[in-house]
Amino acid sequence: MCRQVEACRFFQTLITLSVLLLTGTPVVAQQNSEFRLLSESQPDLQRPEPFLQSGPAAAGRRVRIRAADDPSGPAAVLYLPDNWNPEKRWPVLVELPGNGGFRNALGDVCTGMPEDCSLGYGLTDGRDWIWLSLPFLNADGSSIAATWWGDPPEYRPAATLRFWQQILQQVCSRYSGDSACVVLSGFSRGAIACNALGLHDDQISALWTAFLPCSHYDGVRRWPFPDSDPESAITRLQRLQDRPQFICGEGSQTESTRRWLMQHKPDLAGIEFHSTSFVNHSDRWVLHDVPARAAARVWLQQIRETRLKQ
């Protein structure tokens, strides 16, 4: 039996290294299995079921919402926390999904749809924060873009940015969201978009209080959209100013991000780097009790408390 277990772990390691090499994640020689597989860990959280519900938004419910001027158009997904009531202002955690059509040998899957996001629920445990999952849209804004944004090869984000602003404004006006305390988070494509679109221009940049990109970072490597070059990313990074970022990723991935930022933003005050503790390219790590999740919850609480003191 021991030999069978050892053989199983050997082949899992081969698969893991292959996936990390194919996805561009830095591979560092590890001892004592420092980074685990999600399949070897038992989650302590489950996303609320039924995951999407019909009817109006209410405490503890996750529903689709659409722009007021386009009631049959693309939908975002809204979750009001268990302890929500309309009499107070609530911080908002905005989440952006990864690219759809993703599946790897470790069993990691991403549909690219906002309803399949996990970060917001795992990081808040469904309390104290409004959780808003935003989609990316095609060029004319008529449908959700499962991969990247806009239409190839231009990948123009104008319709996506316009939709985000509309939905966020609605959430703040209708559901007591605090427009002065909005954290932008995202996984994979969504992590890249935290800066690539979240800092696209001065207007959209002004919406966010802080940023939480998970698995990838704008500027570290080139992607299909035209302005993914380092020079364009550095211009966007300047709009960050002194706002905090919590940067996390699988394995040792954030080390390449740290090195890139040290070259282009020598003052890293207010920026944290964390490993998810897993090798999986997945946002479901937040459903597990790991140090990065605990640190992210403390970070979010500090942002919330800073806002409450203002």
C-alpha atoms as a PDB file:
ATOM      1  CA  MET A   1       0.000   0.000   0.000  1.00  0.00           C
ATOM      2  CA  CYS A   2       2.804   2.420   0.889  1.00  0.00           C
ATOM      3  CA  ARG A   3       4.408   1.843  -2.494  1.00  0.00           C
ATOM      4  CA  GLN A   4       1.074   2.523  -4.207  1.00  0.00           C
ATOM      5  CA  VAL A   5       0.669   5.808  -2.320  1.00  0.00           C
ATOM      6  CA  GLU A   6       4.239   6.831  -3.151  1.00  0.00           C
ATOM      7  CA  ALA A   7       3.675   6.003  -6.820  1.00  0.00           C
ATOM      8  CA  CYS A   8       0.454   8.019  -6.842  1.00  0.00           C
ATOM      9  CA  ARG A   9       2.166  11.067  -5.361  1.00  0.00           C
ATOM     10  CA  PHE A  10       5.047  10.688  -7.829  1.00  0.00           C
ATOM     11  CA  PHE A  11       2.691  10.859 -10.802  1.00  0.00           C
ATOM     12  CA  GLN A  12       0.772  13.750  -9.198  1.00  0.00           C
ATOM     13  CA  THR A  13       4.080  15.602  -8.892  1.00  0.00           C
ATOM     14  CA  LEU A  14       4.860  14.995 -12.570  1.00  0.00           C
ATOM     15  CA  ILE A  15       1.429  16.308 -13.542  1.00  0.00           C
ATOM     16  CA  THR A  16       1.828  19.318 -11.252  1.00  0.00           C
ATOM     17  CA  LEU A  17       5.216  20.265 -12.689  1.00  0.00           C
ATOM     18  CA  SER A  18       3.869  19.911 -16.237  1.00  0.00           C
ATOM     19  CA  VAL A  19       0.919  22.196 -15.469  1.00  0.00           C
ATOM     20  CA  LEU A  20       3.118  24.800 -13.807  1.00  0.00           C
ATOM     21  CA  LEU A  21       5.495  24.842 -16.763  1.00  0.00           C
ATOM     22  CA  LEU A  22       2.657  25.127 -19.292  1.00  0.00           C
ATOM     23  CA  THR A  23       0.941  27.956 -17.406  1.00  0.00           C
ATOM     24  CA  GLY A  24       4.140  29.956 -16.904  1.00  0.00           C
ATOM     25  CA  THR A  25       4.129  29.605 -13.117  1.00  0.00           C
ATOM     26  CA  PRO A  26       7.670  29.637 -11.677  1.00  0.00           C
ATOM     27  CA  VAL A  27       8.735  26.200 -10.467  1.00  0.00           C
ATOM     28  CA  VAL A  28      10.962  26.123  -7.407  1.00  0.00           C
ATOM     29  CA  ALA A  29      12.443  22.936  -5.967  1.00  0.00           C
ATOM     30  CA  GLN A  30      10.422  22.133  -2.857  1.00  0.00           C
ATOM     31  CA  GLN A  31      11.133  19.896   0.103  1.00  0.00           C
ATOM     32  CA  ASN A  32       8.510  18.291   2.343  1.00  0.00           C
ATOM     33  CA  SER A  33       5.743  19.070  -0.176  1.00  0.00           C
ATOM     34  CA  GLU A  34       5.504  22.754   0.768  1.00  0.00           C
ATOM     35  CA  PHE A  35       2.688  23.334  -1.726  1.00  0.00           C
ATOM     36  CA  ARG A  36      -0.268  20.947  -1.750  1.00  0.00           C
ATOM     37  CA  LEU A  37      -2.953  19.778  -4.137  1.00  0.00           C
ATOM     38  CA  LEU A  38      -6.514  20.922  -3.500  1.00  0.00           C
ATOM     39  CA  SER A  39      -7.558  17.297  -3.798  1.00  0.00           C
ATOM     40  CA  GLU A  40      -5.478  16.539  -0.697  1.00  0.00           C
ATOM     41  CA  SER A  41      -7.259  19.155   1.440  1.00  0.00           C
ATOM     42  CA  GLN A  42     -10.773  19.155   2.856  1.00  0.00           C
ATOM     43  CA  PRO A  43     -12.630  22.490   2.382  1.00  0.00           C
ATOM     44  CA  ASP A  44     -14.226  24.029   5.433  1.00  0.00           C
ATOM     45  CA  LEU A  45     -16.576  26.245   3.405  1.00  0.00           C
ATOM     46  CA  GLN A  46     -19.141  25.574   0.697  1.00  0.00           C
ATOM     47  CA  ARG A  47     -20.562  28.253  -1.545  1.00  0.00           C
ATOM     48  CA  PRO A  48     -24.234  28.848  -0.735  1.00  0.00           C
ATOM     49  CA  GLU A  49     -26.728  26.458  -2.336  1.00  0.00           C
ATOM     50  CA  PRO A  50     -28.764  26.861  -4.373  1.00  0.00           C
ATOM     51  CA  PHE A  51     -25.938  28.950  -5.761  1.00  0.00           C
ATOM     52  CA  LEU A  52     -28.087  31.287  -7.838  1.00  0.00           C
ATOM     53  CA  GLN A  53     -31.639  32.091  -6.842  1.00  0.00           C
ATOM     54  CA  SER A  54     -34.522  33.783  -8.599  1.00  0.00           C
ATOM     55  CA  GLY A  55     -36.349  36.763  -7.233  1.00  0.00           C
ATOM     56  CA  PRO A  56     -35.133  39.966  -5.587  1.00  0.00           C
ATOM     57  CA  ALA A  57     -31.859  40.402  -3.742  1.00  0.00           C
ATOM     58  CA  ALA A  58     -31.997  39.899   0.032  1.00  0.00           C
ATOM     59  CA  ALA A  59     -29.677  38.987   2.899  1.00  0.00           C
ATOM     60  CA  GLY A  60     -28.016  35.636   2.274  1.00  0.00           C
ATOM     61  CA  ARG A  61     -29.224  35.377  -1.344  1.00  0.00           C
ATOM     62  CA  ARG A  62     -27.141  35.371  -4.531  1.00  0.00           C
ATOM     63  CA  VAL A  63     -28.989  36.595  -7.605  1.00  0.00           C
ATOM     64  CA  ARG A  64     -28.385  37.924 -11.104  1.00  0.00           C
ATOM     65  CA  ILE A  65     -28.749  41.668 -11.628  1.00  0.00           C
ATOM     66  CA  ARG A  66     -28.749  43.669 -14.870  1.00  0.00           C
ATOM     67  CA  ALA A  67     -28.203  47.266 -15.842  1.00  0.00           C
ATOM     68  CA  ALA A  68     -31.347  49.342 -15.355  1.00  0.00           C
ATOM     69  CA  ASP A  69     -31.269  50.530 -18.973  1.00  0.00           C
ATOM     70  CA  ASP A  70     -30.840  46.995 -20.359  1.00  0.00           C
ATOM     71  CA  PRO A  71     -33.103  44.596 -18.404  1.00  0.00           C
ATOM     72  CA  SER A  72     -32.548  41.748 -20.868  1.00  0.00           C
ATOM     73  CA  GLY A  73     -28.800  42.281 -21.244  1.00  0.00           C
ATOM     74  CA  PRO A  74     -25.772  40.644 -19.611  1.00  0.00           C
ATOM     75  CA  ALA A  75     -26.013  39.963 -15.877  1.00  0.00           C
ATOM     76  CA  ALA A  76     -23.699  40.448 -12.940  1.00  0.00           C
ATOM     77  CA  VAL A  77     -24.143  38.335  -9.808  1.00  0.00           C
ATOM     78  CA  LEU A  78     -24.890  39.927  -6.432  1.00  0.00           C
ATOM     79  CA  TYR A  79     -24.681  38.412  -2.943  1.00  0.00           C
ATOM     80  CA  LEU A  80     -25.919  40.414   0.014  1.00  0.00           C
ATOM     81  CA  PRO A  81     -24.262  39.248   3.246  1.00  0.00           C
ATOM     82  CA  ASP A  82     -26.123  37.203   5.844  1.00  0.00           C
ATOM     83  CA  ASN A  83     -26.191  40.166   8.222  1.00  0.00           C
ATOM     84  CA  TRP A  84     -27.213  42.739   5.595  1.00  0.00           C
ATOM     85  CA  ASN A  85     -29.812  45.402   6.254  1.00  0.00           C
ATOM     86  CA  PRO A  86     -30.496  48.594   4.296  1.00  0.00           C
ATOM     87  CA  GLU A  87     -30.035  50.913   7.283  1.00  0.00           C
ATOM     88  CA  LYS A  88     -26.226  51.038   7.089  1.00  0.00           C
ATOM     89  CA  ARG A  89     -23.548  51.279   4.432  1.00  0.00           C
ATOM     90  CA  TRP A  90     -21.737  48.096   3.419  1.00  0.00           C
ATOM     91  CA  PRO A  91     -18.264  47.711   1.907  1.00  0.00           C
ATOM     92  CA  VAL A  92     -18.283  46.066  -1.509  1.00  0.00           C
ATOM     93  CA  LEU A  93     -15.969  43.271  -2.673  1.00  0.00           C
ATOM     94  CA  VAL A  94     -16.012  43.180  -6.473  1.00  0.00           C
ATOM     95  CA  GLU A  95     -14.743  39.974  -8.108  1.00  0.00           C
ATOM     96  CA  LEU A  96     -13.686  39.330 -11.717  1.00  0.00           C
ATOM     97  CA  PRO A  97     -13.616  35.758 -13.107  1.00  0.00           C
ATOM     98  CA  GLY A  98     -10.814  33.992 -14.948  1.00  0.00           C
ATOM     99  CA  ASN A  99     -10.871  32.965 -18.591  1.00  0.00           C
ATOM    100  CA  GLY A 100     -13.454  30.394 -19.581  1.00  0.00           C
ATOM    101  CA  GLY A 101     -12.703  27.127 -21.291  1.00  0.00           C
ATOM    102  CA  PHE A 102      -9.852  26.422 -18.873  1.00  0.00           C
ATOM    103  CA  ARG A 103      -9.220  22.885 -17.654  1.00  0.00           C
ATOM    104  CA  ASN A 104      -5.950  21.303 -16.590  1.00  0.00           C
ATOM    105  CA  ALA A 105      -4.592  17.939 -15.537  1.00  0.00           C
ATOM    106  CA  LEU A 106      -5.156  18.728 -11.860  1.00  0.00           C
ATOM    107  CA  GLY A 107      -8.895  19.018 -12.406  1.00  0.00           C
ATOM    108  CA  ASP A 108      -8.966  22.829 -12.168  1.00  0.00           C
ATOM    109  CA  VAL A 109     -11.802  24.313 -14.221  1.00  0.00           C
ATOM    110  CA  CYS A 110     -12.870  27.871 -15.036  1.00  0.00           C
ATOM    111  CA  THR A 111     -15.983  28.773 -17.031  1.00  0.00           C
ATOM    112  CA  GLY A 112     -15.318  32.521 -17.198  1.00  0.00           C
ATOM    113  CA  MET A 113     -18.799  33.210 -15.819  1.00  0.00           C
ATOM    114  CA  PRO A 114     -19.428  35.449 -12.778  1.00  0.00           C
ATOM    115  CA  GLU A 115     -21.667  32.878 -11.083  1.00  0.00           C
ATOM    116  CA  ASP A 116     -18.699  30.507 -10.729  1.00  0.00           C
ATOM    117  CA  CYS A 117     -16.528  32.945  -8.755  1.00  0.00           C
ATOM    118  CA  SER A 118     -15.379  31.840  -5.292  1.00  0.00           C
ATOM    119  CA  LEU A 119     -13.017  34.480  -3.879  1.00  0.00           C
ATOM    120  CA  GLY A 120     -15.685  36.762  -2.454  1.00  0.00           C
ATOM    121  CA  TYR A 121     -17.475  34.121  -0.440  1.00  0.00           C
ATOM    122  CA  GLY A 122     -14.331  32.477   0.891  1.00  0.00           C
ATOM    123  CA  LEU A 123     -12.727  35.761   1.907  1.00  0.00           C
ATOM    124  CA  THR A 124     -15.790  37.135   3.690  1.00  0.00           C
ATOM    125  CA  ASP A 125     -17.538  33.945   4.873  1.00  0.00           C
ATOM    126  CA  GLY A 126     -20.713  35.545   3.554  1.00  0.00           C
ATOM    127  CA  ARG A 127     -20.770  38.338   6.140  1.00  0.00           C
ATOM    128  CA  ASP A 128     -20.040  42.065   6.469  1.00  0.00           C
ATOM    129  CA  TRP A 129     -19.338  42.652   2.752  1.00  0.00           C
ATOM    130  CA  ILE A 130     -21.536  42.909  -0.308  1.00  0.00           C
ATOM    131  CA  TRP A 131     -20.053  40.502  -2.858  1.00  0.00           C
ATOM    132  CA  LEU A 132     -20.453  41.543  -6.484  1.00  0.00           C
ATOM    133  CA  SER A 133     -19.209  39.272  -9.307  1.00  0.00           C
ATOM    134  CA  LEU A 134     -18.821  41.213 -12.546  1.00  0.00           C
ATOM    135  CA  PRO A 135     -18.502  39.717 -16.041  1.00  0.00           C
ATOM    136  CA  PHE A 136     -16.390  40.881 -18.956  1.00  0.00           C
ATOM    137  CA  LEU A 137     -18.376  41.852 -22.064  1.00  0.00           C
ATOM    138  CA  ASN A 138     -17.889  41.649 -25.814  1.00  0.00           C
ATOM    139  CA  ALA A 139     -17.137  44.800 -27.823  1.00  0.00           C
ATOM    140  CA  ASP A 140     -20.723  46.074 -28.148  1.00  0.00           C
ATOM    141  CA  GLY A 141     -21.746  45.044 -24.632  1.00  0.00           C
ATOM    142  CA  SER A 142     -24.468  42.652 -25.799  1.00  0.00           C
ATOM    143  CA  SER A 143     -23.103  39.471 -24.222  1.00  0.00           C
ATOM    144  CA  ILE A 144     -20.601  38.100 -21.720  1.00  0.00           C
ATOM    145  CA  ALA A 145     -17.064  37.438 -22.963  1.00  0.00           C
ATOM    146  CA  ALA A 146     -15.948  34.090 -21.554  1.00  0.00           C
ATOM    147  CA  THR A 147     -12.320  34.881 -22.455  1.00  0.00           C
ATOM    148  CA  TRP A 148     -10.605  38.249 -22.124  1.00  0.00           C
ATOM    149  CA  TRP A 149     -12.806  41.257 -23.013  1.00  0.00           C
ATOM    150  CA  GLY A 150     -14.138  42.965 -26.110  1.00  0.00           C
ATOM    151  CA  ASP A 151     -13.580  41.153 -29.420  1.00  0.00           C
ATOM    152  CA  PRO A 152     -10.237  39.866 -30.761  1.00  0.00           C
ATOM    153  CA  PRO A 153      -7.853  41.099 -31.909  1.00  0.00           C
ATOM    154  CA  GLU A 154      -8.592  44.594 -30.552  1.00  0.00           C
ATOM    155  CA  TYR A 155      -9.962  43.484 -27.140  1.00  0.00           C
ATOM    156  CA  ARG A 156     -11.481  46.892 -26.526  1.00  0.00           C
ATOM    157  CA  PRO A 157     -12.728  47.234 -22.937  1.00  0.00           C
ATOM    158  CA  ALA A 158     -15.051  50.247 -23.268  1.00  0.00           C
ATOM    159  CA  ALA A 159     -18.308  48.271 -23.008  1.00  0.00           C
ATOM    160  CA  THR A 160     -17.008  46.255 -20.064  1.00  0.00           C
ATOM    161  CA  LEU A 161     -15.879  49.333 -18.149  1.00  0.00           C
ATOM    162  CA  ARG A 162     -19.170  51.107 -18.824  1.00  0.00           C
ATOM    163  CA  PHE A 163     -21.130  48.085 -17.545  1.00  0.00           C
ATOM    164  CA  TRP A 164     -19.021  47.803 -14.393  1.00  0.00           C
ATOM    165  CA  GLN A 165     -19.643  51.435 -13.525  1.00  0.00           C
ATOM    166  CA  GLN A 166     -23.396  51.100 -14.097  1.00  0.00           C
ATOM    167  CA  ILE A 167     -23.754  47.985 -11.971  1.00  0.00           C
ATOM    168  CA  LEU A 168     -21.572  49.265  -9.139  1.00  0.00           C
ATOM    169  CA  GLN A 169     -23.557  52.499  -9.017  1.00  0.00           C
ATOM    170  CA  GLN A 170     -26.811  50.498  -8.850  1.00  0.00           C
ATOM    171  CA  VAL A 171     -25.519  48.295  -6.043  1.00  0.00           C
ATOM    172  CA  CYS A 172     -24.447  51.299  -4.010  1.00  0.00           C
ATOM    173  CA  SER A 173     -27.725  53.186  -4.546  1.00  0.00           C
ATOM    174  CA  ARG A 174     -30.164  50.254  -4.220  1.00  0.00           C
ATOM    175  CA  TYR A 175     -28.458  48.009  -1.688  1.00  0.00           C
ATOM    176  CA  SER A 176     -26.585  50.457   0.535  1.00  0.00           C
ATOM    177  CA  GLY A 177     -23.147  49.737  -0.870  1.00  0.00           C
ATOM    178  CA  ASP A 178     -20.428  52.091   0.309  1.00  0.00           C
ATOM    179  CA  SER A 179     -18.885  53.664  -2.784  1.00  0.00           C
ATOM    180  CA  ALA A 180     -15.969  54.863  -0.646  1.00  0.00           C
ATOM    181  CA  CYS A 181     -15.014  51.292   0.311  1.00  0.00           C
ATOM    182  CA  VAL A 182     -14.850  49.106  -2.799  1.00  0.00           C
ATOM    183  CA  VAL A 183     -12.176  46.412  -3.186  1.00  0.00           C
ATOM    184  CA  LEU A 184     -11.479  45.067  -6.680  1.00  0.00           C
ATOM    185  CA  SER A 185     -10.435  41.407  -6.750  1.00  0.00           C
ATOM    186  CA  GLY A 186     -10.029  38.822  -9.475  1.00  0.00           C
ATOM    187  CA  PHE A 187      -8.682  35.414 -10.400  1.00  0.00           C
ATOM    188  CA  SER A 188      -6.331  34.724 -13.348  1.00  0.00           C
ATOM    189  CA  ARG A 189      -7.772  36.878 -16.195  1.00  0.00           C
ATOM    190  CA  GLY A 190      -9.548  38.785 -13.419  1.00  0.00           C
ATOM    191  CA  ALA A 191      -6.256  39.276 -11.555  1.00  0.00           C
ATOM    192  CA  ILE A 192      -4.632  40.749 -14.665  1.00  0.00           C
ATOM    193  CA  ALA A 193      -7.685  42.958 -15.136  1.00  0.00           C
ATOM    194  CA  CYS A 194      -7.394  44.399 -11.616  1.00  0.00           C
ATOM    195  CA  ASN A 195      -4.723  46.699 -13.044  1.00  0.00           C
ATOM    196  CA  ALA A 196      -5.210  46.304 -16.803  1.00  0.00           C
ATOM    197  CA  LEU A 197      -8.845  47.465 -16.622  1.00  0.00           C
ATOM    198  CA  GLY A 198      -9.204  48.627 -13.011  1.00  0.00           C
ATOM    199  CA  LEU A 199      -6.447  51.185 -13.609  1.00  0.00           C
ATOM    200  CA  HIS A 200      -7.258  51.669 -17.297  1.00  0.00           C
ATOM    201  CA  ASP A 201      -7.955  55.388 -16.923  1.00  0.00           C
ATOM    202  CA  ASP A 202      -8.418  57.959 -14.183  1.00  0.00           C
ATOM    203  CA  GLN A 203     -12.208  57.605 -14.115  1.00  0.00           C
ATOM    204  CA  ILE A 204     -12.378  53.847 -13.577  1.00  0.00           C
ATOM    205  CA  SER A 205      -9.337  53.919 -11.298  1.00  0.00           C
ATOM    206  CA  ALA A 206     -11.112  56.265  -8.896  1.00  0.00           C
ATOM    207  CA  LEU A 207     -13.746  53.615  -8.065  1.00  0.00           C
ATOM    208  CA  TRP A 208     -11.484  51.301  -6.066  1.00  0.00           C
ATOM    209  CA  THR A 209     -10.175  51.539  -2.522  1.00  0.00           C
ATOM    210  CA  ALA A 210      -7.835  48.531  -2.734  1.00  0.00           C
ATOM    211  CA  PHE A 211      -7.020  45.543  -4.962  1.00  0.00           C
ATOM    212  CA  LEU A 212      -6.723  41.779  -4.512  1.00  0.00           C
ATOM    213  CA  PRO A 213      -5.339  40.044  -7.644  1.00  0.00           C
ATOM    214  CA  CYS A 214      -5.020  36.250  -7.407  1.00  0.00           C
ATOM    215  CA  SER A 215      -2.902  34.223  -9.887  1.00  0.00           C
ATOM    216  CA  HIS A 216      -1.143  36.564 -12.367  1.00  0.00           C
ATOM    217  CA  TYR A 217      -0.424  40.283 -12.440  1.00  0.00           C
ATOM    218  CA  ASP A 218      -0.626  42.910 -15.158  1.00  0.00           C
ATOM    219  CA  GLY A 219       2.731  43.521 -16.875  1.00  0.00           C
ATOM    220  CA  VAL A 220       4.659  40.468 -15.668  1.00  0.00           C
ATOM    221  CA  ARG A 221       4.167  38.754 -19.037  1.00  0.00           C
ATOM    222  CA  ARG A 222       2.466  39.537 -22.344  1.00  0.00           C
ATOM    223  CA  TRP A 223      -1.090  38.431 -23.090  1.00  0.00           C
ATOM    224  CA  PRO A 224      -3.289  38.598 -26.231  1.00  0.00           C
ATOM    225  CA  PHE A 225      -4.710  42.088 -25.610  1.00  0.00           C
ATOM    226  CA  PRO A 226      -2.689  44.805 -27.411  1.00  0.00           C
ATOM    227  CA  ASP A 227      -1.564  46.905 -24.435  1.00  0.00           C
ATOM    228  CA  SER A 228      -0.291  44.048 -22.283  1.00  0.00           C
ATOM    229  CA  ASP A 229       3.295  45.204 -22.804  1.00  0.00           C
ATOM    230  CA  PRO A 230       5.318  46.229 -19.725  1.00  0.00           C
ATOM    231  CA  GLU A 231       5.416  49.904 -20.711  1.00  0.00           C
ATOM    232  CA  SER A 232       1.605  50.154 -20.811  1.00  0.00           C
ATOM    233  CA  ALA A 233       1.333  48.226 -17.540  1.00  0.00           C
ATOM    234  CA  ILE A 234       3.776  50.617 -15.852  1.00  0.00           C
ATOM    235  CA  THR A 235       1.649  53.582 -16.961  1.00  0.00           C
ATOM    236  CA  ARG A 236      -1.403  51.929 -15.418  1.00  0.00           C
ATOM    237  CA  LEU A 237       0.529  51.059 -12.260  1.00  0.00           C
ATOM    238  CA  GLN A 238       1.228  54.744 -11.662  1.00  0.00           C
ATOM    239  CA  ARG A 239      -2.511  55.226 -11.103  1.00  0.00           C
ATOM    240  CA  LEU A 240      -2.355  52.868  -8.123  1.00  0.00           C
ATOM    241  CA  GLN A 241      -0.614  55.587  -6.100  1.00  0.00           C
ATOM    242  CA  ASP A 242      -0.553  54.507  -2.431  1.00  0.00           C
ATOM    243  CA  ARG A 243      -3.597  52.226  -2.422  1.00  0.00           C
ATOM    244  CA  PRO A 244      -3.017  48.766  -0.907  1.00  0.00           C
ATOM    245  CA  GLN A 245      -2.790  45.520  -2.831  1.00  0.00           C
ATOM    246  CA  PHE A 246      -2.981  41.941  -1.551  1.00  0.00           C
ATOM    247  CA  ILE A 247      -1.247  39.835  -4.229  1.00  0.00           C
ATOM    248  CA  CYS A 248      -1.587  36.066  -4.051  1.00  0.00           C
ATOM    249  CA  GLY A 249      -1.052  33.074  -6.293  1.00  0.00           C
ATOM    250  CA  GLU A 250      -0.416  29.359  -6.463  1.00  0.00           C
ATOM    251  CA  GLY A 251       2.934  27.919  -5.446  1.00  0.00           C
ATOM    252  CA  SER A 252       5.743  30.472  -5.692  1.00  0.00           C
ATOM    253  CA  GLN A 253       4.039  32.454  -8.468  1.00  0.00           C
ATOM    254  CA  THR A 254       4.036  35.769  -6.610  1.00  0.00           C
ATOM    255  CA  GLU A 255       7.843  35.830  -6.538  1.00  0.00           C
ATOM    256  CA  SER A 256       7.942  36.803 -10.227  1.00  0.00           C
ATOM    257  CA  THR A 257       5.367  39.511  -9.481  1.00  0.00           C
ATOM    258  CA  ARG A 258       7.448  40.788  -6.569  1.00  0.00           C
ATOM    259  CA  ARG A 259      10.571  40.972  -8.746  1.00  0.00           C
ATOM    260  CA  TRP A 260       8.694  42.815 -11.505  1.00  0.00           C
ATOM    261  CA  LEU A 261       7.210  45.328  -9.074  1.00  0.00           C
ATOM    262  CA  MET A 262      10.561  45.974  -7.411  1.00  0.00           C
ATOM    263  CA  GLN A 263      11.892  47.050 -10.820  1.00  0.00           C
ATOM    264  CA  HIS A 264       9.030  49.409 -11.562  1.00  0.00           C
ATOM    265  CA  LYS A 265       7.672  50.428  -8.135  1.00  0.00           C
ATOM    266  CA  PRO A 266      10.571  50.390  -5.675  1.00  0.00           C
ATOM    267  CA  ASP A 267       8.331  51.471  -2.786  1.00  0.00           C
ATOM    268  CA  LEU A 268       6.240  48.380  -2.041  1.00  0.00           C
ATOM    269  CA  ALA A 269       4.691  49.797   1.135  1.00  0.00           C
ATOM    270  CA  GLY A 270       1.081  48.668   1.361  1.00  0.00           C
ATOM    271  CA  ILE A 271       1.612  45.676  -0.945  1.00  0.00           C
ATOM    272  CA  GLU A 272       1.475  42.127   0.446  1.00  0.00           C
ATOM    273  CA  PHE A 273       2.510  38.875  -1.252  1.00  0.00           C
ATOM    274  CA  HIS A 274       1.084  35.482  -0.320  1.00  0.00           C
ATOM    275  CA  SER A 275       1.015  31.923  -1.628  1.00  0.00           C
ATOM    276  CA  THR A 276      -2.316  30.116  -1.590  1.00  0.00           C
ATOM    277  CA  SER A 277      -0.429  27.037  -0.249  1.00  0.00           C
ATOM    278  CA  PHE A 278      -1.613  25.028  -3.273  1.00  0.00           C
ATOM    279  CA  VAL A 279      -0.227  24.341  -6.747  1.00  0.00           C
ATOM    280  CA  ASN A 280      -3.681  24.492  -8.344  1.00  0.00           C
ATOM    281  CA  HIS A 281      -4.632  27.288 -10.711  1.00  0.00           C
ATOM    282  CA  SER A 282      -8.007  27.770  -9.051  1.00  0.00           C
ATOM    283  CA  ASP A 283      -9.906  30.331  -7.006  1.00  0.00           C
ATOM    284  CA  ARG A 284     -11.330  27.568  -4.767  1.00  0.00           C
ATOM    285  CA  TRP A 285      -8.375  27.696  -2.418  1.00  0.00           C
ATOM    286  CA  VAL A 286     -10.358  30.275  -0.420  1.00  0.00           C
ATOM    287  CA  LEU A 287     -12.783  27.539   0.615  1.00  0.00           C
ATOM    288  CA  HIS A 288      -9.929  25.979   2.621  1.00  0.00           C
ATOM    289  CA  ASP A 289      -8.472  27.044   5.966  1.00  0.00           C
ATOM    290  CA  VAL A 290      -5.014  28.240   4.867  1.00  0.00           C
ATOM    291  CA  PRO A 291      -2.743  31.098   6.023  1.00  0.00           C
ATOM    292  CA  ALA A 292      -3.345  33.221   2.892  1.00  0.00           C
ATOM    293  CA  ARG A 293      -7.089  33.242   3.513  1.00  0.00           C
ATOM    294  CA  ALA A 294      -6.596  34.239   7.149  1.00  0.00           C
ATOM    295  CA  ALA A 295      -4.214  37.023   6.097  1.00  0.00           C
ATOM    296  CA  ALA A 296      -6.626  38.266   3.406  1.00  0.00           C
ATOM    297  CA  ARG A 297      -9.479  38.409   5.924  1.00  0.00           C
ATOM    298  CA  VAL A 298      -7.344  40.482   8.299  1.00  0.00           C
ATOM    299  CA  TRP A 299      -6.390  42.749   5.376  1.00  0.00           C
ATOM    300  CA  LEU A 300     -10.040  43.250   4.386  1.00  0.00           C
ATOM    301  CA  GLN A 301     -11.001  43.945   7.994  1.00  0.00           C
ATOM    302  CA  GLN A 302      -8.314  46.619   8.224  1.00  0.00           C
ATOM    303  CA  ILE A 303      -9.645  48.290   5.082  1.00  0.00           C
ATOM    304  CA  ARG A 304     -13.179  48.174   6.499  1.00  0.00           C
ATOM    305  CA  GLU A 305     -12.103  49.554   9.879  1.00  0.00           C
ATOM    306  CA  THR A 306     -10.151  52.377   8.222  1.00  0.00           C
ATOM    307  CA  ARG A 307     -13.314  53.363   6.345  1.00  0.00           C
ATOM    308  CA  LEU A 308     -15.446  53.192   9.515  1.00  0.00           C
ATOM    309  CA  LYS A 309     -13.074  55.605  11.256  1.00  0.00           C
ATOM    310  CA  GLN A 310     -13.387  58.220   8.492  1.00  0.00           C
END
